Amino acid sequence: MDAKGKVNWLFRNLRKRRLMAEQNFACCMSCAVSELSEMLDEDKKRSCPKCQKIGAVFYHRQDAQGFARTGHLYLGYIATEDGKEKQIGEIIVEEAKRLGIPIAWNGDASDRVLLKFEGD
């Protein structure tokens, strides 16, 4: 499976973990966070507590362009509850490792997770 196929599987698996997972979403980090925050607010209003999303993971168009050039893809993420961002990052890392995707993340909730597809 090529890098893009692995990313597709990763996002599919993240959706199963109650994350809103959007690929090539919005033009930049600020717009993506703003739009996803609104979408998560709407989800909270419509969904039962057991079905509500716990956060979102995404990469935006600028990230997609960098991925095409370098094979590295940065994933942004947000949580629906304050202080839970690190938990979202840990879920992303866990699922990426399960798929054999090399990652770089220092465990800091303010840093994005890097998927490193070199030579794929």
N, C-alpha and C. Protein backbone atom coordinates (compact mmCIF):
# COMPACT_ATOMS: atom_id res chain seq x y z
N MET A 1 0.85 -1.17 0.00
CA MET A 1 0.00 0.00 0.00
C MET A 1 0.90 1.24 0.00
N ASP A 2 0.56 2.22 -0.82
CA ASP A 2 1.37 3.44 -0.89
C ASP A 2 1.02 4.37 0.27
N ALA A 3 1.76 5.46 0.37
CA ALA A 3 1.59 6.39 1.49
C ALA A 3 0.18 6.94 1.56
N LYS A 4 -0.38 7.35 0.44
CA LYS A 4 -1.74 7.90 0.45
C LYS A 4 -2.75 6.86 0.91
N GLY A 5 -2.57 5.62 0.49
CA GLY A 5 -3.45 4.55 0.93
C GLY A 5 -3.37 4.34 2.43
N LYS A 6 -2.16 4.43 2.98
CA LYS A 6 -2.00 4.30 4.43
C LYS A 6 -2.67 5.45 5.17
N VAL A 7 -2.55 6.65 4.62
CA VAL A 7 -3.21 7.81 5.24
C VAL A 7 -4.73 7.62 5.22
N ASN A 8 -5.25 7.14 4.11
CA ASN A 8 -6.70 6.88 4.03
C ASN A 8 -7.14 5.88 5.10
N TRP A 9 -6.37 4.80 5.27
CA TRP A 9 -6.70 3.81 6.30
C TRP A 9 -6.60 4.40 7.70
N LEU A 10 -5.58 5.22 7.90
CA LEU A 10 -5.42 5.86 9.20
C LEU A 10 -6.64 6.71 9.53
N PHE A 11 -7.08 7.52 8.59
CA PHE A 11 -8.22 8.40 8.84
C PHE A 11 -9.50 7.58 9.04
N ARG A 12 -9.62 6.50 8.32
CA ARG A 12 -10.77 5.61 8.51
C ARG A 12 -10.78 5.07 9.94
N ASN A 13 -9.63 4.62 10.41
CA ASN A 13 -9.52 4.08 11.77
C ASN A 13 -9.75 5.14 12.83
N LEU A 14 -9.30 6.36 12.57
CA LEU A 14 -9.50 7.45 13.53
C LEU A 14 -10.97 7.81 13.66
N ARG A 15 -11.70 7.71 12.57
CA ARG A 15 -13.16 7.95 12.64
C ARG A 15 -13.83 6.94 13.55
N LYS A 16 -13.34 5.72 13.55
CA LYS A 16 -13.89 4.68 14.43
C LYS A 16 -13.60 4.97 15.90
N ARG A 17 -12.64 5.82 16.15
CA ARG A 17 -12.26 6.19 17.53
C ARG A 17 -12.97 7.47 17.97
N ARG A 18 -14.04 7.79 17.31
CA ARG A 18 -14.88 8.97 17.63
C ARG A 18 -14.18 10.30 17.36
N LEU A 19 -13.33 10.31 16.34
CA LEU A 19 -12.69 11.54 15.91
C LEU A 19 -13.26 11.96 14.57
N MET A 20 -13.50 13.22 14.41
CA MET A 20 -13.82 13.78 13.11
C MET A 20 -12.48 13.82 12.38
N ALA A 21 -12.37 13.18 11.24
CA ALA A 21 -11.09 13.08 10.54
C ALA A 21 -11.26 13.61 9.12
N GLU A 22 -10.58 14.71 8.83
CA GLU A 22 -10.74 15.40 7.55
C GLU A 22 -9.40 15.53 6.84
N GLN A 23 -9.42 15.15 5.58
CA GLN A 23 -8.20 15.20 4.77
C GLN A 23 -8.27 16.37 3.78
N ASN A 24 -7.12 17.02 3.59
CA ASN A 24 -7.02 18.13 2.64
C ASN A 24 -8.13 19.14 2.93
N PHE A 25 -8.25 19.48 4.21
CA PHE A 25 -9.38 20.25 4.71
C PHE A 25 -8.99 21.70 4.96
N ALA A 26 -9.66 22.61 4.31
CA ALA A 26 -9.44 24.05 4.44
C ALA A 26 -8.07 24.44 3.88
N CYS A 27 -7.84 25.73 3.83
CA CYS A 27 -6.63 26.23 3.18
C CYS A 27 -5.42 26.26 4.11
N CYS A 28 -5.66 26.44 5.41
CA CYS A 28 -4.55 26.61 6.34
C CYS A 28 -4.98 26.15 7.74
N MET A 29 -4.05 26.19 8.66
CA MET A 29 -4.28 25.75 10.03
C MET A 29 -5.41 26.55 10.70
N SER A 30 -5.34 27.87 10.61
CA SER A 30 -6.35 28.71 11.27
C SER A 30 -7.75 28.42 10.77
N CYS A 31 -7.91 28.33 9.47
CA CYS A 31 -9.24 28.06 8.90
C CYS A 31 -9.72 26.67 9.26
N ALA A 32 -8.82 25.70 9.23
CA ALA A 32 -9.21 24.32 9.56
C ALA A 32 -9.68 24.23 11.01
N VAL A 33 -8.94 24.82 11.93
CA VAL A 33 -9.32 24.77 13.35
C VAL A 33 -10.66 25.47 13.56
N SER A 34 -10.84 26.61 12.93
CA SER A 34 -12.09 27.35 13.08
C SER A 34 -13.28 26.55 12.55
N GLU A 35 -13.15 26.02 11.35
CA GLU A 35 -14.24 25.26 10.74
C GLU A 35 -14.53 23.97 11.50
N LEU A 36 -13.50 23.26 11.92
CA LEU A 36 -13.71 22.02 12.65
C LEU A 36 -14.31 22.27 14.04
N SER A 37 -13.93 23.36 14.66
CA SER A 37 -14.52 23.71 15.96
C SER A 37 -16.03 23.91 15.82
N GLU A 38 -16.43 24.59 14.76
CA GLU A 38 -17.86 24.78 14.50
C GLU A 38 -18.55 23.44 14.24
N MET A 39 -17.91 22.58 13.47
CA MET A 39 -18.50 21.28 13.16
C MET A 39 -18.63 20.42 14.43
N LEU A 40 -17.64 20.49 15.30
CA LEU A 40 -17.70 19.73 16.56
C LEU A 40 -18.80 20.28 17.47
N ASP A 41 -18.98 21.59 17.47
CA ASP A 41 -20.07 22.19 18.26
C ASP A 41 -21.42 21.68 17.76
N GLU A 42 -21.59 21.60 16.45
CA GLU A 42 -22.84 21.09 15.87
C GLU A 42 -23.04 19.62 16.21
N ASP A 43 -21.97 18.85 16.15
CA ASP A 43 -22.03 17.43 16.49
C ASP A 43 -22.51 17.26 17.93
N LYS A 44 -22.02 18.10 18.81
CA LYS A 44 -22.39 18.01 20.23
C LYS A 44 -23.89 18.26 20.42
N LYS A 45 -24.45 19.15 19.62
CA LYS A 45 -25.88 19.47 19.71
C LYS A 45 -26.75 18.34 19.17
N ARG A 46 -26.28 17.63 18.15
CA ARG A 46 -27.09 16.64 17.44
C ARG A 46 -26.93 15.22 17.96
N SER A 47 -25.79 14.89 18.51
CA SER A 47 -25.48 13.49 18.82
C SER A 47 -25.76 13.15 20.28
N CYS A 48 -26.06 11.88 20.50
CA CYS A 48 -26.17 11.41 21.88
C CYS A 48 -24.76 11.40 22.49
N PRO A 49 -24.64 11.47 23.80
CA PRO A 49 -23.31 11.54 24.43
C PRO A 49 -22.36 10.40 24.04
N LYS A 50 -22.88 9.20 23.84
CA LYS A 50 -22.02 8.08 23.47
C LYS A 50 -21.51 8.16 22.03
N CYS A 51 -22.20 8.94 21.19
CA CYS A 51 -21.83 9.05 19.78
C CYS A 51 -21.05 10.32 19.47
N GLN A 52 -21.00 11.25 20.40
CA GLN A 52 -20.34 12.53 20.16
C GLN A 52 -18.86 12.34 19.88
N LYS A 53 -18.37 13.15 18.98
CA LYS A 53 -16.94 13.14 18.67
C LYS A 53 -16.16 13.68 19.86
N ILE A 54 -14.98 13.12 20.10
CA ILE A 54 -14.13 13.59 21.19
C ILE A 54 -13.12 14.61 20.70
N GLY A 55 -13.03 14.77 19.38
CA GLY A 55 -12.10 15.73 18.81
C GLY A 55 -12.03 15.56 17.31
N ALA A 56 -11.02 16.20 16.74
CA ALA A 56 -10.84 16.14 15.30
C ALA A 56 -9.36 16.05 14.97
N VAL A 57 -9.08 15.40 13.86
CA VAL A 57 -7.74 15.32 13.30
C VAL A 57 -7.84 15.72 11.84
N PHE A 58 -6.80 16.37 11.34
CA PHE A 58 -6.89 16.89 9.97
C PHE A 58 -5.51 17.20 9.41
N TYR A 59 -5.49 17.36 8.11
CA TYR A 59 -4.38 18.08 7.47
C TYR A 59 -5.02 19.00 6.46
N HIS A 60 -4.42 20.16 6.29
CA HIS A 60 -5.00 21.17 5.40
C HIS A 60 -4.29 21.16 4.04
N ARG A 61 -4.72 22.03 3.16
CA ARG A 61 -4.21 22.02 1.79
C ARG A 61 -2.71 22.29 1.72
N GLN A 62 -2.22 23.19 2.56
CA GLN A 62 -0.78 23.46 2.57
C GLN A 62 -0.01 22.21 3.00
N ASP A 63 -0.56 21.48 3.97
CA ASP A 63 0.08 20.22 4.38
C ASP A 63 0.08 19.21 3.24
N ALA A 64 -1.03 19.14 2.51
CA ALA A 64 -1.14 18.20 1.39
C ALA A 64 -0.10 18.51 0.32
N GLN A 65 0.13 19.79 0.08
CA GLN A 65 1.14 20.18 -0.90
C GLN A 65 2.53 19.77 -0.43
N GLY A 66 2.81 19.96 0.85
CA GLY A 66 4.10 19.54 1.39
C GLY A 66 4.27 18.03 1.34
N PHE A 67 3.20 17.30 1.60
CA PHE A 67 3.21 15.84 1.55
C PHE A 67 3.58 15.36 0.15
N ALA A 68 3.00 16.00 -0.85
CA ALA A 68 3.29 15.61 -2.24
C ALA A 68 4.76 15.84 -2.58
N ARG A 69 5.36 16.88 -2.01
CA ARG A 69 6.76 17.21 -2.30
C ARG A 69 7.75 16.39 -1.48
N THR A 70 7.43 16.15 -0.20
CA THR A 70 8.44 15.61 0.72
C THR A 70 8.16 14.21 1.26
N GLY A 71 6.90 13.79 1.20
CA GLY A 71 6.54 12.51 1.82
C GLY A 71 6.28 12.63 3.30
N HIS A 72 6.34 13.85 3.84
CA HIS A 72 6.05 14.10 5.25
C HIS A 72 4.69 14.78 5.35
N LEU A 73 3.88 14.33 6.30
CA LEU A 73 2.54 14.90 6.45
C LEU A 73 2.30 15.25 7.91
N TYR A 74 2.06 16.52 8.16
CA TYR A 74 1.74 16.97 9.52
C TYR A 74 0.24 16.88 9.74
N LEU A 75 -0.14 16.32 10.90
CA LEU A 75 -1.54 16.22 11.28
C LEU A 75 -1.82 17.15 12.44
N GLY A 76 -2.83 17.97 12.25
CA GLY A 76 -3.31 18.82 13.33
C GLY A 76 -4.45 18.12 14.04
N TYR A 77 -4.73 18.55 15.25
CA TYR A 77 -5.81 17.92 16.00
C TYR A 77 -6.32 18.88 17.07
N ILE A 78 -7.58 18.72 17.40
CA ILE A 78 -8.21 19.49 18.47
C ILE A 78 -9.10 18.56 19.27
N ALA A 79 -9.35 18.92 20.50
CA ALA A 79 -10.22 18.13 21.37
C ALA A 79 -11.48 18.92 21.69
N THR A 80 -12.54 18.21 22.00
CA THR A 80 -13.79 18.88 22.36
C THR A 80 -13.76 19.36 23.81
N GLU A 81 -12.88 18.79 24.63
CA GLU A 81 -12.75 19.21 26.02
C GLU A 81 -11.37 19.81 26.26
N ASP A 82 -11.33 20.91 27.00
CA ASP A 82 -10.05 21.52 27.33
C ASP A 82 -9.17 20.52 28.08
N GLY A 83 -7.89 20.52 27.72
CA GLY A 83 -6.96 19.65 28.41
C GLY A 83 -6.88 18.24 27.85
N LYS A 84 -7.68 17.91 26.85
CA LYS A 84 -7.70 16.55 26.30
C LYS A 84 -6.94 16.43 24.97
N GLU A 85 -6.27 17.49 24.57
CA GLU A 85 -5.57 17.48 23.29
C GLU A 85 -4.50 16.39 23.23
N LYS A 86 -3.76 16.21 24.33
CA LYS A 86 -2.70 15.19 24.33
C LYS A 86 -3.30 13.80 24.07
N GLN A 87 -4.46 13.55 24.63
CA GLN A 87 -5.14 12.27 24.42
C GLN A 87 -5.41 12.04 22.93
N ILE A 88 -5.81 13.09 22.23
CA ILE A 88 -6.07 12.98 20.79
C ILE A 88 -4.78 12.65 20.06
N GLY A 89 -3.70 13.34 20.41
CA GLY A 89 -2.40 13.05 19.80
C GLY A 89 -1.98 11.61 20.03
N GLU A 90 -2.21 11.11 21.23
CA GLU A 90 -1.85 9.72 21.55
C GLU A 90 -2.67 8.73 20.73
N ILE A 91 -3.93 9.02 20.50
CA ILE A 91 -4.77 8.14 19.67
C ILE A 91 -4.22 8.11 18.25
N ILE A 92 -3.86 9.27 17.72
CA ILE A 92 -3.30 9.34 16.36
C ILE A 92 -2.03 8.49 16.27
N VAL A 93 -1.14 8.67 17.23
CA VAL A 93 0.12 7.92 17.24
C VAL A 93 -0.14 6.42 17.33
N GLU A 94 -1.03 6.02 18.21
CA GLU A 94 -1.37 4.61 18.37
C GLU A 94 -1.87 4.00 17.07
N GLU A 95 -2.79 4.68 16.41
CA GLU A 95 -3.35 4.16 15.16
C GLU A 95 -2.32 4.16 14.04
N ALA A 96 -1.47 5.18 13.98
CA ALA A 96 -0.43 5.22 12.94
C ALA A 96 0.55 4.06 13.13
N LYS A 97 0.96 3.82 14.37
CA LYS A 97 1.88 2.71 14.64
C LYS A 97 1.24 1.37 14.29
N ARG A 98 -0.04 1.25 14.56
CA ARG A 98 -0.75 0.01 14.24
C ARG A 98 -0.69 -0.28 12.74
N LEU A 99 -0.64 0.77 11.93
CA LEU A 99 -0.56 0.62 10.47
C LEU A 99 0.88 0.61 9.96
N GLY A 100 1.84 0.71 10.87
CA GLY A 100 3.24 0.71 10.46
C GLY A 100 3.70 2.01 9.85
N ILE A 101 3.03 3.10 10.18
CA ILE A 101 3.40 4.41 9.65
C ILE A 101 4.42 5.03 10.59
N PRO A 102 5.61 5.37 10.09
CA PRO A 102 6.60 6.02 10.94
C PRO A 102 6.12 7.41 11.36
N ILE A 103 6.26 7.72 12.63
CA ILE A 103 5.79 9.01 13.14
C ILE A 103 6.89 9.71 13.92
N ALA A 104 6.70 10.99 14.09
CA ALA A 104 7.53 11.79 14.98
C ALA A 104 6.58 12.69 15.76
N TRP A 105 6.63 12.57 17.07
CA TRP A 105 5.82 13.42 17.95
C TRP A 105 6.47 13.39 19.32
N ASN A 106 6.62 14.54 19.91
CA ASN A 106 7.29 14.62 21.21
C ASN A 106 6.34 14.50 22.40
N GLY A 107 5.07 14.24 22.13
CA GLY A 107 4.09 14.10 23.21
C GLY A 107 3.53 15.41 23.70
N ASP A 108 3.96 16.52 23.11
CA ASP A 108 3.47 17.84 23.50
C ASP A 108 2.20 18.14 22.72
N ALA A 109 1.12 18.42 23.45
CA ALA A 109 -0.18 18.64 22.81
C ALA A 109 -0.20 19.88 21.91
N SER A 110 0.78 20.76 22.07
CA SER A 110 0.81 21.95 21.21
C SER A 110 1.55 21.70 19.90
N ASP A 111 2.14 20.50 19.74
CA ASP A 111 2.85 20.15 18.51
C ASP A 111 2.05 19.16 17.69
N ARG A 112 2.15 19.31 16.39
CA ARG A 112 1.44 18.39 15.51
C ARG A 112 2.19 17.07 15.38
N VAL A 113 1.46 16.04 14.99
CA VAL A 113 2.05 14.71 14.74
C VAL A 113 2.56 14.69 13.30
N LEU A 114 3.75 14.20 13.11
CA LEU A 114 4.36 14.11 11.77
C LEU A 114 4.37 12.65 11.32
N LEU A 115 3.78 12.40 10.15
CA LEU A 115 3.87 11.09 9.49
C LEU A 115 5.02 11.19 8.50
N LYS A 116 5.95 10.23 8.57
CA LYS A 116 7.18 10.30 7.77
C LYS A 116 7.21 9.16 6.76
N PHE A 117 6.74 9.44 5.57
CA PHE A 117 6.76 8.45 4.48
C PHE A 117 7.93 8.75 3.58
N GLU A 118 9.05 8.21 3.90
CA GLU A 118 10.21 8.43 3.05
C GLU A 118 10.38 7.21 2.16
N GLY A 119 10.39 7.45 0.86
CA GLY A 119 10.61 6.38 -0.09
C GLY A 119 9.36 5.58 -0.44
N ASP A 120 8.18 5.98 0.07
CA ASP A 120 6.95 5.27 -0.30
C ASP A 120 6.43 5.76 -1.63
